[in-house]
């Protein structure tokens, strides 16, 4: 399925913002991304297997916080990283 990445993560994909990944769940999708682009999953998922607070993942424009969320190959996934600083 089509995955759109935020600017802070495109360093892992050599500047490519749109990538393809597969999985029956959001967790499987993120693991597939990590298989293709080692280290990217850790930037989105913490040691407690939770989506990091500054990351938002939208599946077909709906915010999803569960790694167990079911996915379909026709879904589009948008990953957003919150900005911080002051």
PDB file of N, CA and C in Angstrom:
ATOM      1  N   UNK A   1       0.831  -1.176   0.000  1.00  0.00           N
ATOM      2  CA  UNK A   1       0.000   0.000   0.000  1.00  0.00           C
ATOM      3  C   UNK A   1       0.875   1.239   0.000  1.00  0.00           C
ATOM      4  N   UNK A   2       0.284   2.347  -0.333  1.00  0.00           N
ATOM      5  CA  UNK A   2       1.006   3.614  -0.448  1.00  0.00           C
ATOM      6  C   UNK A   2       1.144   4.254   0.933  1.00  0.00           C
ATOM      7  N   UNK A   3       2.372   4.665   1.255  1.00  0.00           N
ATOM      8  CA  UNK A   3       2.669   5.302   2.539  1.00  0.00           C
ATOM      9  C   UNK A   3       3.357   6.632   2.261  1.00  0.00           C
ATOM     10  N   UNK A   4       2.823   7.693   2.857  1.00  0.00           N
ATOM     11  CA  UNK A   4       3.451   9.007   2.744  1.00  0.00           C
ATOM     12  C   UNK A   4       4.185   9.300   4.050  1.00  0.00           C
ATOM     13  N   UNK A   5       5.464   9.646   3.937  1.00  0.00           N
ATOM     14  CA  UNK A   5       6.309   9.885   5.103  1.00  0.00           C
ATOM     15  C   UNK A   5       6.529  11.377   5.326  1.00  0.00           C
ATOM     16  N   UNK A   6       6.734  11.762   6.594  1.00  0.00           N
ATOM     17  CA  UNK A   6       7.045  13.164   6.884  1.00  0.00           C
ATOM     18  C   UNK A   6       8.524  13.446   6.599  1.00  0.00           C
ATOM     19  N   UNK A   7       8.840  14.704   6.441  1.00  0.00           N
ATOM     20  CA  UNK A   7      10.215  15.120   6.135  1.00  0.00           C
ATOM     21  C   UNK A   7      11.251  14.531   7.094  1.00  0.00           C
ATOM     22  N   UNK A   8      11.007  14.487   8.436  1.00  0.00           N
ATOM     23  CA  UNK A   8      12.047  13.937   9.329  1.00  0.00           C
ATOM     24  C   UNK A   8      12.398  12.472   9.072  1.00  0.00           C
ATOM     25  N   UNK A   9      11.545  11.737   8.355  1.00  0.00           N
ATOM     26  CA  UNK A   9      11.831  10.319   8.127  1.00  0.00           C
ATOM     27  C   UNK A   9      12.367  10.013   6.732  1.00  0.00           C
ATOM     28  N   UNK A  10      12.367  10.982   5.834  1.00  0.00           N
ATOM     29  CA  UNK A  10      12.828  10.680   4.480  1.00  0.00           C
ATOM     30  C   UNK A  10      14.340  10.484   4.387  1.00  0.00           C
ATOM     31  N   UNK A  11      15.060  10.807   5.448  1.00  0.00           N
ATOM     32  CA  UNK A  11      16.490  10.472   5.468  1.00  0.00           C
ATOM     33  C   UNK A  11      16.678   8.962   5.354  1.00  0.00           C
ATOM     34  N   UNK A  12      15.736   8.193   5.884  1.00  0.00           N
ATOM     35  CA  UNK A  12      15.822   6.731   5.828  1.00  0.00           C
ATOM     36  C   UNK A  12      15.550   6.196   4.427  1.00  0.00           C
ATOM     37  N   UNK A  13      14.805   6.967   3.621  1.00  0.00           N
ATOM     38  CA  UNK A  13      14.380   6.503   2.300  1.00  0.00           C
ATOM     39  C   UNK A  13      15.102   7.239   1.167  1.00  0.00           C
ATOM     40  N   UNK A  14      16.233   7.826   1.468  1.00  0.00           N
ATOM     41  CA  UNK A  14      17.005   8.572   0.470  1.00  0.00           C
ATOM     42  C   UNK A  14      16.191   9.686  -0.172  1.00  0.00           C
ATOM     43  N   UNK A  15      15.390  10.357   0.656  1.00  0.00           N
ATOM     44  CA  UNK A  15      14.633  11.511   0.183  1.00  0.00           C
ATOM     45  C   UNK A  15      13.294  11.198  -0.447  1.00  0.00           C
ATOM     46  N   UNK A  16      12.925   9.936  -0.518  1.00  0.00           N
ATOM     47  CA  UNK A  16      11.654   9.549  -1.126  1.00  0.00           C
ATOM     48  C   UNK A  16      10.538   9.703  -0.096  1.00  0.00           C
ATOM     49  N   UNK A  17       9.509  10.485  -0.429  1.00  0.00           N
ATOM     50  CA  UNK A  17       8.409  10.752   0.499  1.00  0.00           C
ATOM     51  C   UNK A  17       7.300   9.702   0.407  1.00  0.00           C
ATOM     52  N   UNK A  18       7.057   9.146  -0.774  1.00  0.00           N
ATOM     53  CA  UNK A  18       6.028   8.128  -0.968  1.00  0.00           C
ATOM     54  C   UNK A  18       6.702   6.789  -1.192  1.00  0.00           C
ATOM     55  N   UNK A  19       6.359   5.810  -0.352  1.00  0.00           N
ATOM     56  CA  UNK A  19       6.936   4.475  -0.462  1.00  0.00           C
ATOM     57  C   UNK A  19       5.813   3.451  -0.432  1.00  0.00           C
ATOM     58  N   UNK A  20       6.141   2.235  -0.792  1.00  0.00           N
ATOM     59  CA  UNK A  20       5.183   1.133  -0.737  1.00  0.00           C
ATOM     60  C   UNK A  20       5.585   0.188   0.378  1.00  0.00           C
ATOM     61  N   UNK A  21       4.582  -0.297   1.087  1.00  0.00           N
ATOM     62  CA  UNK A  21       4.817  -1.279   2.148  1.00  0.00           C
ATOM     63  C   UNK A  21       3.582  -2.158   2.248  1.00  0.00           C
ATOM     64  N   UNK A  22       3.726  -3.288   2.927  1.00  0.00           N
ATOM     65  CA  UNK A  22       2.589  -4.196   3.054  1.00  0.00           C
ATOM     66  C   UNK A  22       2.451  -4.663   4.493  1.00  0.00           C
ATOM     67  N   UNK A  23       1.263  -5.143   4.790  1.00  0.00           N
ATOM     68  CA  UNK A  23       0.973  -5.676   6.113  1.00  0.00           C
ATOM     69  C   UNK A  23      -0.520  -5.754   6.334  1.00  0.00           C
ATOM     70  N   UNK A  24      -0.923  -6.742   7.120  1.00  0.00           N
ATOM     71  CA  UNK A  24      -2.345  -6.887   7.446  1.00  0.00           C
ATOM     72  C   UNK A  24      -2.751  -6.006   8.606  1.00  0.00           C
ATOM     73  N   UNK A  25      -1.742  -5.529   9.363  1.00  0.00           N
ATOM     74  CA  UNK A  25      -1.991  -4.615  10.475  1.00  0.00           C
ATOM     75  C   UNK A  25      -1.013  -3.443  10.365  1.00  0.00           C
ATOM     76  N   UNK A  26      -1.289  -2.407  11.139  1.00  0.00           N
ATOM     77  CA  UNK A  26      -0.378  -1.266  11.147  1.00  0.00           C
ATOM     78  C   UNK A  26       1.006  -1.694  11.626  1.00  0.00           C
ATOM     79  N   UNK A  27       1.066  -2.575  12.615  1.00  0.00           N
ATOM     80  CA  UNK A  27       2.352  -3.060  13.106  1.00  0.00           C
ATOM     81  C   UNK A  27       3.125  -3.784  11.998  1.00  0.00           C
ATOM     82  N   UNK A  28       2.453  -4.641  11.252  1.00  0.00           N
ATOM     83  CA  UNK A  28       3.115  -5.352  10.158  1.00  0.00           C
ATOM     84  C   UNK A  28       3.605  -4.374   9.093  1.00  0.00           C
ATOM     85  N   UNK A  29       2.823  -3.353   8.818  1.00  0.00           N
ATOM     86  CA  UNK A  29       3.229  -2.340   7.849  1.00  0.00           C
ATOM     87  C   UNK A  29       4.504  -1.633   8.310  1.00  0.00           C
ATOM     88  N   UNK A  30       4.544  -1.228   9.583  1.00  0.00           N
ATOM     89  CA  UNK A  30       5.726  -0.533  10.104  1.00  0.00           C
ATOM     90  C   UNK A  30       6.941  -1.456  10.131  1.00  0.00           C
ATOM     91  N   UNK A  31       6.719  -2.729  10.401  1.00  0.00           N
ATOM     92  CA  UNK A  31       7.829  -3.691  10.366  1.00  0.00           C
ATOM     93  C   UNK A  31       8.344  -3.888   8.937  1.00  0.00           C
ATOM     94  N   UNK A  32       7.424  -3.878   7.960  1.00  0.00           N
ATOM     95  CA  UNK A  32       7.854  -3.980   6.569  1.00  0.00           C
ATOM     96  C   UNK A  32       8.654  -2.741   6.164  1.00  0.00           C
ATOM     97  N   UNK A  33       8.200  -1.569   6.598  1.00  0.00           N
ATOM     98  CA  UNK A  33       8.979  -0.357   6.338  1.00  0.00           C
ATOM     99  C   UNK A  33      10.374  -0.478   6.938  1.00  0.00           C
ATOM    100  N   UNK A  34      10.463  -1.014   8.159  1.00  0.00           N
ATOM    101  CA  UNK A  34      11.761  -1.155   8.820  1.00  0.00           C
ATOM    102  C   UNK A  34      12.643  -2.181   8.114  1.00  0.00           C
ATOM    103  N   UNK A  35      12.029  -3.204   7.544  1.00  0.00           N
ATOM    104  CA  UNK A  35      12.802  -4.186   6.778  1.00  0.00           C
ATOM    105  C   UNK A  35      13.429  -3.512   5.563  1.00  0.00           C
ATOM    106  N   UNK A  36      12.657  -2.634   4.921  1.00  0.00           N
ATOM    107  CA  UNK A  36      13.146  -1.939   3.731  1.00  0.00           C
ATOM    108  C   UNK A  36      14.085  -0.786   4.072  1.00  0.00           C
ATOM    109  N   UNK A  37      13.793  -0.100   5.183  1.00  0.00           N
ATOM    110  CA  UNK A  37      14.536   1.093   5.589  1.00  0.00           C
ATOM    111  C   UNK A  37      14.915   0.951   7.064  1.00  0.00           C
ATOM    112  N   UNK A  38      15.966   0.199   7.356  1.00  0.00           N
ATOM    113  CA  UNK A  38      16.338  -0.116   8.738  1.00  0.00           C
ATOM    114  C   UNK A  38      16.431   1.127   9.637  1.00  0.00           C
ATOM    115  N   UNK A  39      15.784   0.998  10.810  1.00  0.00           N
ATOM    116  CA  UNK A  39      15.819   2.050  11.811  1.00  0.00           C
ATOM    117  C   UNK A  39      14.618   2.976  11.791  1.00  0.00           C
ATOM    118  N   UNK A  40      13.817   2.942  10.730  1.00  0.00           N
ATOM    119  CA  UNK A  40      12.705   3.887  10.609  1.00  0.00           C
ATOM    120  C   UNK A  40      11.601   3.608  11.639  1.00  0.00           C
ATOM    121  N   UNK A  41      11.356   2.336  11.940  1.00  0.00           N
ATOM    122  CA  UNK A  41      10.281   1.990  12.877  1.00  0.00           C
ATOM    123  C   UNK A  41      10.539   2.576  14.267  1.00  0.00           C
ATOM    124  N   UNK A  42      11.793   2.525  14.713  1.00  0.00           N
ATOM    125  CA  UNK A  42      12.125   3.028  16.050  1.00  0.00           C
ATOM    126  C   UNK A  42      11.822   4.514  16.182  1.00  0.00           C
ATOM    127  N   UNK A  43      11.845   5.233  15.093  1.00  0.00           N
ATOM    128  CA  UNK A  43      11.500   6.664  15.125  1.00  0.00           C
ATOM    129  C   UNK A  43      10.002   6.877  15.314  1.00  0.00           C
ATOM    130  N   UNK A  44       9.202   5.817  15.086  1.00  0.00           N
ATOM    131  CA  UNK A  44       7.739   5.926  15.200  1.00  0.00           C
ATOM    132  C   UNK A  44       7.155   5.159  16.364  1.00  0.00           C
ATOM    133  N   UNK A  45       7.837   4.097  16.797  1.00  0.00           N
ATOM    134  CA  UNK A  45       7.331   3.212  17.846  1.00  0.00           C
ATOM    135  C   UNK A  45       8.371   3.119  18.956  1.00  0.00           C
ATOM    136  N   UNK A  46       7.927   3.285  20.213  1.00  0.00           N
ATOM    137  CA  UNK A  46       8.870   3.272  21.340  1.00  0.00           C
ATOM    138  C   UNK A  46       9.139   1.859  21.859  1.00  0.00           C
ATOM    139  N   UNK A  47       9.924   1.772  22.921  1.00  0.00           N
ATOM    140  CA  UNK A  47      10.322   0.486  23.505  1.00  0.00           C
ATOM    141  C   UNK A  47       9.158  -0.271  24.130  1.00  0.00           C
ATOM    142  N   UNK A  48       8.066   0.411  24.428  1.00  0.00           N
ATOM    143  CA  UNK A  48       6.873  -0.218  25.000  1.00  0.00           C
ATOM    144  C   UNK A  48       5.878  -0.621  23.906  1.00  0.00           C
ATOM    145  N   UNK A  49       6.335  -0.572  22.655  1.00  0.00           N
ATOM    146  CA  UNK A  49       5.504  -0.924  21.501  1.00  0.00           C
ATOM    147  C   UNK A  49       4.276  -0.027  21.382  1.00  0.00           C
ATOM    148  N   UNK A  50       4.466   1.253  21.630  1.00  0.00           N
ATOM    149  CA  UNK A  50       3.425   2.273  21.481  1.00  0.00           C
ATOM    150  C   UNK A  50       3.890   3.271  20.427  1.00  0.00           C
ATOM    151  N   UNK A  51       2.931   3.811  19.675  1.00  0.00           N
ATOM    152  CA  UNK A  51       3.269   4.859  18.722  1.00  0.00           C
ATOM    153  C   UNK A  51       3.745   6.067  19.521  1.00  0.00           C
ATOM    154  N   UNK A  52       4.869   6.618  19.133  1.00  0.00           N
ATOM    155  CA  UNK A  52       5.442   7.753  19.867  1.00  0.00           C
ATOM    156  C   UNK A  52       4.461   8.928  19.882  1.00  0.00           C
ATOM    157  N   UNK A  53       4.464   9.717  20.978  1.00  0.00           N
ATOM    158  CA  UNK A  53       3.491  10.812  21.131  1.00  0.00           C
ATOM    159  C   UNK A  53       3.535  11.861  20.020  1.00  0.00           C
ATOM    160  N   UNK A  54       4.690  12.082  19.423  1.00  0.00           N
ATOM    161  CA  UNK A  54       4.791  13.110  18.391  1.00  0.00           C
ATOM    162  C   UNK A  54       4.476  12.603  16.979  1.00  0.00           C
ATOM    163  N   UNK A  55       4.122  11.330  16.879  1.00  0.00           N
ATOM    164  CA  UNK A  55       3.794  10.726  15.588  1.00  0.00           C
ATOM    165  C   UNK A  55       2.283  10.523  15.486  1.00  0.00           C
ATOM    166  N   UNK A  56       1.733  10.902  14.350  1.00  0.00           N
ATOM    167  CA  UNK A  56       0.325  10.646  14.045  1.00  0.00           C
ATOM    168  C   UNK A  56       0.294   9.822  12.768  1.00  0.00           C
ATOM    169  N   UNK A  57      -0.503   8.763  12.800  1.00  0.00           N
ATOM    170  CA  UNK A  57      -0.636   7.906  11.629  1.00  0.00           C
ATOM    171  C   UNK A  57      -2.103   7.903  11.217  1.00  0.00           C
ATOM    172  N   UNK A  58      -2.340   8.280   9.974  1.00  0.00           N
ATOM    173  CA  UNK A  58      -3.686   8.334   9.435  1.00  0.00           C
ATOM    174  C   UNK A  58      -3.845   7.230   8.399  1.00  0.00           C
ATOM    175  N   UNK A  59      -4.915   6.454   8.536  1.00  0.00           N
ATOM    176  CA  UNK A  59      -5.248   5.415   7.576  1.00  0.00           C
ATOM    177  C   UNK A  59      -6.526   5.871   6.881  1.00  0.00           C
ATOM    178  N   UNK A  60      -6.417   6.128   5.583  1.00  0.00           N
ATOM    179  CA  UNK A  60      -7.551   6.680   4.823  1.00  0.00           C
ATOM    180  C   UNK A  60      -8.113   7.915   5.512  1.00  0.00           C
ATOM    181  N   UNK A  61      -7.235   8.801   5.940  1.00  0.00           N
ATOM    182  CA  UNK A  61      -7.568  10.098   6.547  1.00  0.00           C
ATOM    183  C   UNK A  61      -8.173  10.001   7.946  1.00  0.00           C
ATOM    184  N   UNK A  62      -8.112   8.832   8.574  1.00  0.00           N
ATOM    185  CA  UNK A  62      -8.625   8.650   9.933  1.00  0.00           C
ATOM    186  C   UNK A  62      -7.444   8.360  10.859  1.00  0.00           C
ATOM    187  N   UNK A  63      -7.321   9.135  11.949  1.00  0.00           N
ATOM    188  CA  UNK A  63      -6.230   8.931  12.900  1.00  0.00           C
ATOM    189  C   UNK A  63      -6.309   7.540  13.510  1.00  0.00           C
ATOM    190  N   UNK A  64      -5.182   6.841  13.512  1.00  0.00           N
ATOM    191  CA  UNK A  64      -5.121   5.494  14.079  1.00  0.00           C
ATOM    192  C   UNK A  64      -4.007   5.445  15.107  1.00  0.00           C
ATOM    193  N   UNK A  65      -4.318   4.996  16.328  1.00  0.00           N
ATOM    194  CA  UNK A  65      -3.322   4.910  17.405  1.00  0.00           C
ATOM    195  C   UNK A  65      -3.000   3.463  17.783  1.00  0.00           C
ATOM    196  N   UNK A  66      -3.693   2.509  17.179  1.00  0.00           N
ATOM    197  CA  UNK A  66      -3.495   1.099  17.540  1.00  0.00           C
ATOM    198  C   UNK A  66      -2.609   0.400  16.513  1.00  0.00           C
ATOM    199  N   UNK A  67      -1.527  -0.191  16.975  1.00  0.00           N
ATOM    200  CA  UNK A  67      -0.674  -0.959  16.077  1.00  0.00           C
ATOM    201  C   UNK A  67      -1.397  -2.190  15.551  1.00  0.00           C
ATOM    202  N   UNK A  68      -2.418  -2.632  16.258  1.00  0.00           N
ATOM    203  CA  UNK A  68      -3.175  -3.820  15.853  1.00  0.00           C
ATOM    204  C   UNK A  68      -4.252  -3.504  14.816  1.00  0.00           C
ATOM    205  N   UNK A  69      -4.394  -2.246  14.417  1.00  0.00           N
ATOM    206  CA  UNK A  69      -5.427  -1.857  13.457  1.00  0.00           C
ATOM    207  C   UNK A  69      -5.257  -2.626  12.147  1.00  0.00           C
ATOM    208  N   UNK A  70      -6.367  -3.170  11.653  1.00  0.00           N
ATOM    209  CA  UNK A  70      -6.348  -3.929  10.407  1.00  0.00           C
ATOM    210  C   UNK A  70      -6.184  -2.996   9.213  1.00  0.00           C
ATOM    211  N   UNK A  71      -5.407  -3.463   8.243  1.00  0.00           N
ATOM    212  CA  UNK A  71      -5.187  -2.707   7.012  1.00  0.00           C
ATOM    213  C   UNK A  71      -5.602  -3.531   5.811  1.00  0.00           C
ATOM    214  N   UNK A  72      -5.877  -2.825   4.744  1.00  0.00           N
ATOM    215  CA  UNK A  72      -6.242  -3.432   3.474  1.00  0.00           C
ATOM    216  C   UNK A  72      -5.259  -2.898   2.426  1.00  0.00           C
ATOM    217  N   UNK A  73      -4.882  -3.694   1.437  1.00  0.00           N
ATOM    218  CA  UNK A  73      -3.932  -3.208   0.437  1.00  0.00           C
ATOM    219  C   UNK A  73      -4.368  -1.926  -0.274  1.00  0.00           C
ATOM    220  N   UNK A  74      -5.653  -1.637  -0.289  1.00  0.00           N
ATOM    221  CA  UNK A  74      -6.147  -0.424  -0.947  1.00  0.00           C
ATOM    222  C   UNK A  74      -6.032   0.817  -0.061  1.00  0.00           C
ATOM    223  N   UNK A  75      -5.722   0.641   1.222  1.00  0.00           N
ATOM    224  CA  UNK A  75      -5.611   1.780   2.133  1.00  0.00           C
ATOM    225  C   UNK A  75      -4.425   2.660   1.774  1.00  0.00           C
ATOM    226  N   UNK A  76      -4.549   3.930   2.120  1.00  0.00           N
ATOM    227  CA  UNK A  76      -3.434   4.878   2.034  1.00  0.00           C
ATOM    228  C   UNK A  76      -3.068   5.283   3.441  1.00  0.00           C
ATOM    229  N   UNK A  77      -1.786   5.329   3.726  1.00  0.00           N
ATOM    230  CA  UNK A  77      -1.302   5.642   5.064  1.00  0.00           C
ATOM    231  C   UNK A  77      -0.479   6.929   4.992  1.00  0.00           C
ATOM    232  N   UNK A  78      -0.808   7.842   5.878  1.00  0.00           N
ATOM    233  CA  UNK A  78      -0.082   9.116   5.994  1.00  0.00           C
ATOM    234  C   UNK A  78       0.527   9.171   7.385  1.00  0.00           C
ATOM    235  N   UNK A  79       1.821   9.351   7.459  1.00  0.00           N
ATOM    236  CA  UNK A  79       2.511   9.483   8.748  1.00  0.00           C
ATOM    237  C   UNK A  79       2.939  10.921   8.899  1.00  0.00           C
ATOM    238  N   UNK A  80       2.596  11.505  10.048  1.00  0.00           N
ATOM    239  CA  UNK A  80       2.883  12.899  10.315  1.00  0.00           C
ATOM    240  C   UNK A  80       3.717  12.999  11.592  1.00  0.00           C
ATOM    241  N   UNK A  81       4.746  13.825  11.568  1.00  0.00           N
ATOM    242  CA  UNK A  81       5.562  14.069  12.760  1.00  0.00           C
ATOM    243  C   UNK A  81       5.282  15.498  13.228  1.00  0.00           C
ATOM    244  N   UNK A  82       4.906  15.642  14.496  1.00  0.00           N
ATOM    245  CA  UNK A  82       4.625  16.952  15.046  1.00  0.00           C
ATOM    246  C   UNK A  82       5.897  17.762  15.131  1.00  0.00           C
ATOM    247  N   UNK A  83       5.764  19.058  14.925  1.00  0.00           N
ATOM    248  CA  UNK A  83       6.889  19.974  15.054  1.00  0.00           C
ATOM    249  C   UNK A  83       7.017  20.388  16.505  1.00  0.00           C
ATOM    250  N   UNK A  84       8.235  20.656  16.935  1.00  0.00           N
ATOM    251  CA  UNK A  84       8.444  21.132  18.299  1.00  0.00           C
ATOM    252  C   UNK A  84       9.536  22.192  18.293  1.00  0.00           C
ATOM    253  N   UNK A  85       9.676  22.800  19.389  1.00  0.00           N
ATOM    254  CA  UNK A  85      10.704  23.838  19.499  1.00  0.00           C
ATOM    255  C   UNK A  85      10.062  25.161  19.878  1.00  0.00           C
ATOM    256  N   UNK A  86      10.847  26.177  19.923  1.00  0.00           N
ATOM    257  CA  UNK A  86      10.241  27.432  20.342  1.00  0.00           C
ATOM    258  C   UNK A  86      11.035  28.601  20.042  1.00  0.00           C
TER     259      UNK A  86
END
